[in-house]
Amino acid sequence: MIQINETYSFDRDDYCWRLYETKPPGAHPITGVIGKKPSVTTTYHGSILQVCRAIIDRTAGEAVSPHGIIEEFLRVESELLKAINSMEK
């Protein structure tokens, strides 16, 4: 598994790439009960490029300006490169 940051990680099986998004414990939207463990959402992608796009799409939504989206893109790109380079060593 490749850990990008505390929120995103991904790996590959024989058929696809799996992207894991970890969210901190929070209140359940219906019951209001606060969870004790982080929740992990898994999405499936056909290529590494789709994984990168998914991460950028999700994080860019938190930006407040076009400049912020570009900064977020560059940050995610940097984190991906660091994660991939650390695997090669």
Protein backbone atom coordinates (compact mmCIF):
# COMPACT_ATOMS: atom_id res chain seq x y z
CA MET A 1 0.00 0.00 0.00
CA ILE A 2 1.20 3.50 -0.82
CA GLN A 3 0.44 6.04 1.91
CA ILE A 4 0.13 9.55 0.48
CA ASN A 5 -0.85 11.40 3.63
CA GLU A 6 -3.02 10.72 6.67
CA THR A 7 -6.17 10.88 4.53
CA TYR A 8 -5.29 9.03 1.30
CA SER A 9 -3.56 5.78 0.43
CA PHE A 10 -3.85 3.38 -2.49
CA ASP A 11 -2.81 -0.02 -3.74
CA ARG A 12 -3.35 -2.28 -6.71
CA ASP A 13 -4.69 -5.77 -7.16
CA ASP A 14 -4.90 -7.87 -10.32
CA TYR A 15 -7.89 -5.93 -11.63
CA CYS A 16 -7.82 -2.31 -10.51
CA TRP A 17 -6.40 0.41 -8.28
CA ARG A 18 -8.04 0.93 -4.88
CA LEU A 19 -8.07 4.38 -3.32
CA TYR A 20 -8.66 4.57 0.44
CA GLU A 21 -9.92 7.77 2.03
CA THR A 22 -9.69 7.82 5.83
CA LYS A 23 -11.92 10.24 7.70
CA PRO A 24 -11.60 11.00 11.42
CA PRO A 25 -14.30 9.75 13.78
CA GLY A 26 -17.36 11.92 13.79
CA ALA A 27 -21.05 11.95 14.51
CA HIS A 28 -23.25 9.56 12.52
CA PRO A 29 -25.44 11.67 10.19
CA ILE A 30 -28.67 9.96 11.26
CA THR A 31 -28.19 8.82 14.85
CA GLY A 32 -25.75 11.50 16.00
CA VAL A 33 -23.69 8.88 17.82
CA ILE A 34 -19.99 9.77 17.76
CA GLY A 35 -17.82 6.96 16.40
CA LYS A 36 -14.64 5.75 18.04
CA LYS A 37 -12.73 4.68 14.94
CA PRO A 38 -11.94 6.49 11.70
CA SER A 39 -14.03 5.50 8.70
CA VAL A 40 -12.38 4.32 5.50
CA THR A 41 -14.04 4.66 2.11
CA THR A 42 -12.69 2.59 -0.77
CA THR A 43 -13.16 3.51 -4.41
CA TYR A 44 -11.99 1.55 -7.42
CA HIS A 45 -10.16 2.97 -10.44
CA GLY A 46 -8.90 1.57 -13.73
CA SER A 47 -5.61 3.47 -13.82
CA ILE A 48 -3.18 5.34 -11.60
CA LEU A 49 -4.16 8.50 -13.46
CA GLN A 50 -7.76 8.04 -12.31
CA VAL A 51 -6.53 7.65 -8.72
CA CYS A 52 -4.62 10.93 -9.00
CA ARG A 53 -7.61 12.70 -10.53
CA ALA A 54 -9.91 11.43 -7.79
CA ILE A 55 -7.60 12.74 -5.06
CA ILE A 56 -7.24 16.11 -6.77
CA ASP A 57 -10.99 16.39 -7.41
CA ARG A 58 -11.76 15.69 -3.75
CA THR A 59 -9.16 18.03 -2.30
CA ALA A 60 -9.68 20.84 -4.83
CA GLY A 61 -13.27 21.14 -3.61
CA GLU A 62 -11.87 22.50 -0.35
CA ALA A 63 -10.14 25.39 -2.13
CA VAL A 64 -11.80 28.81 -2.10
CA SER A 65 -10.28 30.23 -5.28
CA PRO A 66 -8.81 29.11 -8.61
CA HIS A 67 -5.36 29.88 -7.22
CA GLY A 68 -6.14 27.60 -4.28
CA ILE A 69 -7.04 24.77 -6.66
CA ILE A 70 -3.67 25.10 -8.41
CA GLU A 71 -1.87 25.10 -5.05
CA GLU A 72 -3.81 22.00 -3.99
CA PHE A 73 -2.95 20.27 -7.28
CA LEU A 74 0.75 20.98 -6.77
CA ARG A 75 0.61 19.82 -3.14
CA VAL A 76 -1.07 16.52 -4.05
CA GLU A 77 1.34 16.01 -6.94
CA SER A 78 4.27 16.52 -4.56
CA GLU A 79 2.84 14.05 -2.02
CA LEU A 80 2.24 11.44 -4.72
CA LEU A 81 5.80 11.78 -6.02
CA LYS A 82 7.25 11.45 -2.51
CA ALA A 83 5.16 8.33 -1.85
CA ILE A 84 6.12 6.70 -5.13
CA ASN A 85 9.81 7.60 -4.77
CA SER A 86 9.94 6.14 -1.26
CA MET A 87 8.69 2.83 -2.68
CA GLU A 88 11.58 2.68 -5.13
CA LYS A 89 14.23 2.88 -2.38
